Amino acid sequence: MGEIDIIARDGETLVFVEVKARVGRSFGAPAEAVSPWKQRRIAQLATLYIARSGADYCRCRFDVVSVDVDEGAPVVQVFQNAFDAGAA
């Protein structure tokens, strides 16, 4: 059905994380690859995960981790609350 890269807890918040990496900028920045379609898909998978895990209610957050591997050491950026599942 799909995959969520990372599922973690930040205190009482369940965090669903999409990780995107790019070498160079030919196809844009890594975080730009999390399109509205991808956001909706992650939200659907998160809903399924919550239902199957038995959690009736929990706070959720959708983060994106961007890994830019251009020259030298990779540059990692974390975008907390990168998108709202209701708007996705």
N, C-alpha and C. Protein backbone atom coordinates (compact mmCIF):
# COMPACT_ATOMS: atom_id res chain seq x y z
N MET A 1 0.82 -1.20 0.00
CA MET A 1 0.00 0.00 0.00
C MET A 1 0.85 1.26 0.00
N GLY A 2 2.09 1.13 0.41
CA GLY A 2 2.98 2.29 0.48
C GLY A 2 3.85 2.20 1.71
N GLU A 3 4.64 3.23 1.90
CA GLU A 3 5.53 3.23 3.05
C GLU A 3 5.68 4.62 3.61
N ILE A 4 5.93 4.64 4.90
CA ILE A 4 6.29 5.88 5.58
C ILE A 4 7.73 5.66 6.03
N ASP A 5 8.60 6.61 5.71
CA ASP A 5 10.02 6.42 5.98
C ASP A 5 10.32 6.24 7.46
N ILE A 6 9.79 7.13 8.29
CA ILE A 6 10.05 7.06 9.73
C ILE A 6 8.76 7.38 10.47
N ILE A 7 8.47 6.58 11.50
CA ILE A 7 7.37 6.87 12.42
C ILE A 7 8.02 6.96 13.79
N ALA A 8 7.83 8.10 14.44
CA ALA A 8 8.50 8.34 15.73
C ALA A 8 7.55 9.07 16.66
N ARG A 9 7.99 9.18 17.90
CA ARG A 9 7.25 9.96 18.89
C ARG A 9 8.10 11.16 19.31
N ASP A 10 7.44 12.28 19.45
CA ASP A 10 8.04 13.49 20.01
C ASP A 10 7.14 13.87 21.18
N GLY A 11 7.47 13.37 22.35
CA GLY A 11 6.58 13.53 23.49
C GLY A 11 5.31 12.75 23.25
N GLU A 12 4.18 13.43 23.29
CA GLU A 12 2.88 12.79 23.06
C GLU A 12 2.46 12.83 21.59
N THR A 13 3.30 13.38 20.74
CA THR A 13 2.96 13.55 19.33
C THR A 13 3.55 12.42 18.50
N LEU A 14 2.72 11.83 17.66
CA LEU A 14 3.17 10.82 16.72
C LEU A 14 3.63 11.55 15.46
N VAL A 15 4.87 11.29 15.05
CA VAL A 15 5.47 12.02 13.93
C VAL A 15 5.71 11.08 12.76
N PHE A 16 5.17 11.45 11.61
CA PHE A 16 5.37 10.72 10.37
C PHE A 16 6.36 11.53 9.54
N VAL A 17 7.47 10.89 9.17
CA VAL A 17 8.57 11.62 8.53
C VAL A 17 8.82 11.08 7.13
N GLU A 18 8.87 11.97 6.18
CA GLU A 18 9.26 11.63 4.81
C GLU A 18 10.68 12.13 4.61
N VAL A 19 11.57 11.27 4.15
CA VAL A 19 12.97 11.62 3.92
C VAL A 19 13.20 11.69 2.42
N LYS A 20 13.75 12.80 1.96
CA LYS A 20 14.06 12.97 0.54
C LYS A 20 15.51 13.40 0.40
N ALA A 21 16.22 12.74 -0.51
CA ALA A 21 17.63 13.08 -0.77
C ALA A 21 17.81 13.36 -2.25
N ARG A 22 18.72 14.25 -2.53
CA ARG A 22 19.05 14.61 -3.92
C ARG A 22 20.55 14.84 -4.03
N VAL A 23 21.08 14.47 -5.18
CA VAL A 23 22.46 14.79 -5.54
C VAL A 23 22.34 15.88 -6.60
N GLY A 24 22.75 17.08 -6.26
CA GLY A 24 22.62 18.20 -7.18
C GLY A 24 21.22 18.77 -7.16
N ARG A 25 21.01 19.81 -7.95
CA ARG A 25 19.72 20.51 -7.97
C ARG A 25 19.02 20.40 -9.33
N SER A 26 19.42 19.46 -10.16
CA SER A 26 18.79 19.32 -11.48
C SER A 26 17.28 19.12 -11.38
N PHE A 27 16.85 18.44 -10.35
CA PHE A 27 15.43 18.15 -10.17
C PHE A 27 14.83 18.93 -9.02
N GLY A 28 15.50 20.00 -8.58
CA GLY A 28 15.00 20.82 -7.49
C GLY A 28 15.53 20.37 -6.15
N ALA A 29 15.12 21.08 -5.13
CA ALA A 29 15.54 20.76 -3.76
C ALA A 29 14.82 19.49 -3.31
N PRO A 30 15.43 18.73 -2.41
CA PRO A 30 14.81 17.47 -1.98
C PRO A 30 13.39 17.65 -1.42
N ALA A 31 13.18 18.66 -0.59
CA ALA A 31 11.87 18.85 0.03
C ALA A 31 10.79 19.17 -1.00
N GLU A 32 11.17 19.73 -2.14
CA GLU A 32 10.20 20.05 -3.19
C GLU A 32 9.58 18.80 -3.79
N ALA A 33 10.21 17.64 -3.58
CA ALA A 33 9.69 16.39 -4.13
C ALA A 33 8.50 15.85 -3.34
N VAL A 34 8.18 16.47 -2.21
CA VAL A 34 7.02 16.05 -1.42
C VAL A 34 5.82 16.85 -1.94
N SER A 35 5.31 16.38 -3.04
CA SER A 35 4.22 17.05 -3.76
C SER A 35 2.90 16.92 -3.00
N PRO A 36 1.89 17.68 -3.39
CA PRO A 36 0.57 17.50 -2.77
C PRO A 36 0.07 16.06 -2.86
N TRP A 37 0.32 15.40 -3.98
CA TRP A 37 -0.08 13.99 -4.11
C TRP A 37 0.63 13.14 -3.06
N LYS A 38 1.93 13.34 -2.90
CA LYS A 38 2.71 12.58 -1.92
C LYS A 38 2.22 12.89 -0.50
N GLN A 39 1.90 14.13 -0.23
CA GLN A 39 1.38 14.51 1.08
C GLN A 39 0.08 13.77 1.38
N ARG A 40 -0.83 13.72 0.39
CA ARG A 40 -2.09 12.99 0.59
C ARG A 40 -1.83 11.52 0.84
N ARG A 41 -0.89 10.95 0.13
CA ARG A 41 -0.56 9.53 0.28
C ARG A 41 -0.01 9.25 1.68
N ILE A 42 0.88 10.09 2.15
CA ILE A 42 1.44 9.93 3.49
C ILE A 42 0.33 10.05 4.54
N ALA A 43 -0.57 11.01 4.36
CA ALA A 43 -1.68 11.19 5.29
C ALA A 43 -2.58 9.95 5.30
N GLN A 44 -2.85 9.37 4.14
CA GLN A 44 -3.67 8.15 4.07
C GLN A 44 -2.99 7.00 4.80
N LEU A 45 -1.70 6.84 4.57
CA LEU A 45 -0.95 5.77 5.24
C LEU A 45 -0.89 6.00 6.75
N ALA A 46 -0.76 7.26 7.16
CA ALA A 46 -0.74 7.58 8.59
C ALA A 46 -2.08 7.23 9.23
N THR A 47 -3.17 7.52 8.55
CA THR A 47 -4.50 7.18 9.05
C THR A 47 -4.64 5.68 9.21
N LEU A 48 -4.18 4.94 8.22
CA LEU A 48 -4.21 3.48 8.29
C LEU A 48 -3.35 2.96 9.45
N TYR A 49 -2.17 3.53 9.61
CA TYR A 49 -1.28 3.13 10.71
C TYR A 49 -1.96 3.36 12.06
N ILE A 50 -2.55 4.52 12.24
CA ILE A 50 -3.20 4.85 13.51
C ILE A 50 -4.36 3.90 13.77
N ALA A 51 -5.16 3.62 12.75
CA ALA A 51 -6.29 2.71 12.91
C ALA A 51 -5.82 1.31 13.29
N ARG A 52 -4.79 0.83 12.64
CA ARG A 52 -4.29 -0.53 12.92
C ARG A 52 -3.54 -0.63 14.24
N SER A 53 -3.00 0.49 14.71
CA SER A 53 -2.24 0.45 15.96
C SER A 53 -3.16 0.53 17.18
N GLY A 54 -4.44 0.83 16.95
CA GLY A 54 -5.39 0.89 18.04
C GLY A 54 -5.44 2.22 18.77
N ALA A 55 -4.75 3.20 18.29
CA ALA A 55 -4.77 4.52 18.93
C ALA A 55 -6.06 5.22 18.51
N ASP A 56 -6.92 5.49 19.49
CA ASP A 56 -8.18 6.17 19.18
C ASP A 56 -7.94 7.64 18.84
N TYR A 57 -7.05 8.25 19.60
CA TYR A 57 -6.76 9.66 19.37
C TYR A 57 -5.31 9.94 19.75
N CYS A 58 -4.64 10.62 18.89
CA CYS A 58 -3.30 11.09 19.23
C CYS A 58 -3.00 12.31 18.36
N ARG A 59 -2.13 13.15 18.86
CA ARG A 59 -1.68 14.28 18.06
C ARG A 59 -0.68 13.75 17.04
N CYS A 60 -0.77 14.26 15.84
CA CYS A 60 0.12 13.82 14.77
C CYS A 60 0.78 15.03 14.13
N ARG A 61 1.93 14.76 13.55
CA ARG A 61 2.67 15.81 12.86
C ARG A 61 3.33 15.16 11.65
N PHE A 62 3.47 15.93 10.58
CA PHE A 62 4.11 15.46 9.36
C PHE A 62 5.35 16.29 9.12
N ASP A 63 6.51 15.64 9.20
CA ASP A 63 7.79 16.31 8.99
C ASP A 63 8.42 15.83 7.68
N VAL A 64 9.29 16.65 7.14
CA VAL A 64 10.09 16.26 5.98
C VAL A 64 11.56 16.48 6.32
N VAL A 65 12.37 15.48 6.04
CA VAL A 65 13.82 15.60 6.20
C VAL A 65 14.41 15.67 4.79
N SER A 66 15.15 16.73 4.56
CA SER A 66 15.78 16.98 3.27
C SER A 66 17.28 16.71 3.39
N VAL A 67 17.80 15.85 2.51
CA VAL A 67 19.23 15.55 2.50
C VAL A 67 19.77 15.98 1.14
N ASP A 68 20.62 17.01 1.16
CA ASP A 68 21.20 17.55 -0.07
C ASP A 68 22.65 17.08 -0.15
N VAL A 69 22.91 16.19 -1.10
CA VAL A 69 24.25 15.63 -1.27
C VAL A 69 24.83 16.24 -2.54
N ASP A 70 25.48 17.36 -2.39
CA ASP A 70 26.04 18.04 -3.55
C ASP A 70 27.54 17.84 -3.55
N GLU A 71 28.23 18.67 -2.83
CA GLU A 71 29.67 18.54 -2.70
C GLU A 71 30.00 18.59 -1.22
N GLY A 72 30.96 17.79 -0.81
CA GLY A 72 31.32 17.77 0.61
C GLY A 72 30.32 16.97 1.42
N ALA A 73 30.19 17.37 2.67
CA ALA A 73 29.30 16.66 3.58
C ALA A 73 27.83 16.92 3.22
N PRO A 74 26.97 15.94 3.38
CA PRO A 74 25.54 16.15 3.11
C PRO A 74 24.98 17.23 4.03
N VAL A 75 24.03 17.99 3.49
CA VAL A 75 23.34 19.01 4.27
C VAL A 75 21.95 18.48 4.59
N VAL A 76 21.65 18.36 5.88
CA VAL A 76 20.38 17.81 6.33
C VAL A 76 19.55 18.92 6.96
N GLN A 77 18.31 19.02 6.51
CA GLN A 77 17.37 19.99 7.08
C GLN A 77 16.11 19.24 7.51
N VAL A 78 15.58 19.60 8.67
CA VAL A 78 14.34 19.02 9.16
C VAL A 78 13.27 20.10 9.14
N PHE A 79 12.18 19.81 8.46
CA PHE A 79 11.04 20.72 8.38
C PHE A 79 9.91 20.13 9.21
N GLN A 80 9.75 20.65 10.43
CA GLN A 80 8.67 20.19 11.28
C GLN A 80 7.35 20.80 10.79
N ASN A 81 6.29 20.02 10.94
CA ASN A 81 4.96 20.46 10.47
C ASN A 81 5.05 20.91 9.02
N ALA A 82 5.68 20.11 8.20
CA ALA A 82 5.92 20.49 6.81
C ALA A 82 4.62 20.62 6.01
N PHE A 83 3.61 19.87 6.42
CA PHE A 83 2.32 20.02 5.77
C PHE A 83 1.22 19.59 6.73
N ASP A 84 0.03 20.03 6.42
CA ASP A 84 -1.15 19.73 7.23
C ASP A 84 -1.93 18.65 6.49
N ALA A 85 -2.21 17.54 7.16
CA ALA A 85 -2.91 16.43 6.52
C ALA A 85 -4.31 16.84 6.06
N GLY A 86 -4.92 17.79 6.75
CA GLY A 86 -6.25 18.24 6.34
C GLY A 86 -6.21 19.02 5.04
N ALA A 87 -5.10 19.67 4.79
CA ALA A 87 -4.96 20.47 3.56
C ALA A 87 -4.37 19.66 2.43
N ALA A 88 -3.79 18.50 2.76
CA ALA A 88 -3.08 17.70 1.74
C ALA A 88 -4.01 17.01 0.79
